[in-house]
Amino acid sequence: MKTFLVFNKIGEITEFTTKSSVFNLENFAEYKHYKRYKEYIILYNVEEPPKNLTVFYFTDDTYNSSVALLKVNEDNVIKNLTYKAYTKQIKKIKLEPNDIIYSSEEESDIIDVSPFIYN
């Protein structure tokens, strides 16, 4: 069984499993549409606003429904994508330093905290 992630409208992330080993939209009946982004496939539905709060690092596209995120290879073979693996991928992204400080504090007083903490 392969693991994938579902991001709901309010930003919660849940891991789900599928028996499918190769991506086919018919195997994900709760979703009507999908978009492919290199090694990821996003499954979604077209719904009325509000928008889903989720922002993916590999696209600027936005969605109005819950979205499922699958990791695949070039042959559409589904790879495991766990919450922990996805957050590790996000942590690898280098952010550009911001020249503007939005605080009255000195730059040395600003503490940069990791957004994810594992116990």
Protein backbone atom coordinates (compact mmCIF):
# COMPACT_ATOMS: atom_id res chain seq x y z
CA MET A 1 0.00 0.00 0.00
CA LYS A 2 1.25 3.44 -0.93
CA THR A 3 0.89 6.52 1.27
CA PHE A 4 -0.24 9.96 0.08
CA LEU A 5 -1.27 13.21 1.74
CA VAL A 6 -4.60 15.06 1.82
CA PHE A 7 -4.65 18.78 2.64
CA ASN A 8 -8.09 20.00 3.71
CA LYS A 9 -9.40 23.56 3.34
CA ILE A 10 -8.36 24.69 6.81
CA GLY A 11 -4.77 23.50 6.44
CA GLU A 12 -4.89 20.12 8.18
CA ILE A 13 -2.81 17.33 6.65
CA THR A 14 -3.81 13.67 6.80
CA GLU A 15 -1.97 10.59 5.54
CA PHE A 16 -3.99 8.08 3.52
CA THR A 17 -3.07 4.84 1.78
CA THR A 18 -4.05 3.40 -1.56
CA LYS A 19 -3.84 -0.10 -2.98
CA SER A 20 -3.06 1.37 -6.40
CA SER A 21 0.55 1.15 -7.47
CA VAL A 22 0.15 3.17 -10.69
CA PHE A 23 -1.73 6.48 -10.83
CA ASN A 24 -5.12 6.40 -12.54
CA LEU A 25 -7.77 9.02 -11.71
CA GLU A 26 -10.44 6.28 -11.69
CA ASN A 27 -8.81 4.82 -8.55
CA PHE A 28 -9.45 8.08 -6.67
CA ALA A 29 -13.23 8.42 -7.09
CA GLU A 30 -13.55 11.30 -4.60
CA TYR A 31 -11.57 13.57 -6.97
CA LYS A 32 -12.62 14.70 -10.45
CA HIS A 33 -9.49 16.55 -11.64
CA TYR A 34 -5.73 16.36 -11.40
CA LYS A 35 -2.59 18.29 -12.36
CA ARG A 36 0.89 16.85 -12.82
CA TYR A 37 3.99 18.70 -11.56
CA LYS A 38 7.19 16.74 -12.34
CA GLU A 39 7.25 14.23 -9.46
CA TYR A 40 3.90 15.20 -7.89
CA ILE A 41 0.24 14.84 -8.84
CA ILE A 42 -2.40 17.01 -7.18
CA LEU A 43 -5.95 15.65 -7.14
CA TYR A 44 -8.73 18.17 -6.58
CA ASN A 45 -12.36 19.12 -7.20
CA VAL A 46 -13.78 22.39 -8.46
CA GLU A 47 -15.83 23.93 -5.65
CA GLU A 48 -17.11 27.32 -4.60
CA PRO A 49 -14.80 29.48 -2.46
CA PRO A 50 -13.31 29.68 0.14
CA LYS A 51 -9.90 28.67 -1.15
CA ASN A 52 -7.82 25.91 0.34
CA LEU A 53 -5.14 27.47 2.59
CA THR A 54 -2.45 25.07 1.35
CA VAL A 55 0.48 26.51 -0.58
CA PHE A 56 2.76 24.04 -2.37
CA TYR A 57 6.42 24.92 -2.89
CA PHE A 58 6.43 23.68 -6.49
CA THR A 59 3.47 25.68 -7.88
CA ASP A 60 1.55 28.93 -7.45
CA ASP A 61 -1.77 27.25 -8.29
CA THR A 62 -4.57 27.48 -5.72
CA TYR A 63 -7.54 25.21 -5.11
CA ASN A 64 -11.03 25.53 -3.60
CA SER A 65 -11.37 21.94 -2.37
CA SER A 66 -9.42 19.49 -0.31
CA VAL A 67 -6.46 18.29 -2.33
CA ALA A 68 -4.59 15.01 -2.41
CA LEU A 69 -0.86 15.02 -3.10
CA LEU A 70 0.76 11.95 -4.61
CA LYS A 71 4.43 11.43 -5.38
CA VAL A 72 5.06 9.56 -8.64
CA ASN A 73 7.92 8.67 -10.96
CA GLU A 74 8.01 9.34 -14.71
CA ASP A 75 5.92 6.19 -15.38
CA ASN A 76 3.19 7.31 -12.93
CA VAL A 77 4.19 4.65 -10.41
CA ILE A 78 3.04 5.91 -7.00
CA LYS A 79 5.78 6.39 -4.40
CA ASN A 80 5.20 6.66 -0.66
CA LEU A 81 4.71 10.24 0.50
CA THR A 82 4.45 10.63 4.25
CA TYR A 83 4.02 13.81 6.26
CA LYS A 84 7.52 13.46 7.66
CA ALA A 85 9.08 12.96 4.19
CA TYR A 86 7.20 15.95 2.75
CA THR A 87 8.27 18.26 5.57
CA LYS A 88 11.89 17.15 5.11
CA GLN A 89 11.59 18.15 1.44
CA ILE A 90 10.22 21.56 2.43
CA LYS A 91 13.08 22.11 4.87
CA LYS A 92 15.61 21.64 2.05
CA ILE A 93 14.30 24.72 0.23
CA LYS A 94 16.67 27.64 0.58
CA LEU A 95 14.86 30.87 1.38
CA GLU A 96 16.21 34.18 0.22
CA PRO A 97 17.14 36.47 3.10
CA ASN A 98 14.69 39.30 3.49
CA ASP A 99 16.30 42.73 3.42
CA ILE A 100 13.39 44.32 5.26
CA ILE A 101 12.99 43.85 9.00
CA TYR A 102 9.39 44.34 10.11
CA SER A 103 10.22 44.77 13.73
CA SER A 104 11.70 47.36 16.02
CA GLU A 105 14.05 44.62 17.24
CA GLU A 106 17.62 44.37 16.07
CA GLU A 107 18.24 41.69 13.45
CA SER A 108 20.37 39.72 15.92
CA ASP A 109 17.38 39.57 18.31
CA ILE A 110 15.08 37.86 15.78
CA ILE A 111 14.91 34.12 16.37
CA ASP A 112 14.32 31.89 13.34
CA VAL A 113 12.28 28.86 14.43
CA SER A 114 11.71 25.73 12.36
CA PRO A 115 8.00 25.39 11.38
CA PHE A 116 7.95 21.65 12.15
CA ILE A 117 8.98 19.93 15.36
CA TYR A 118 9.24 16.16 15.77
CA ASN A 119 9.23 14.38 19.09
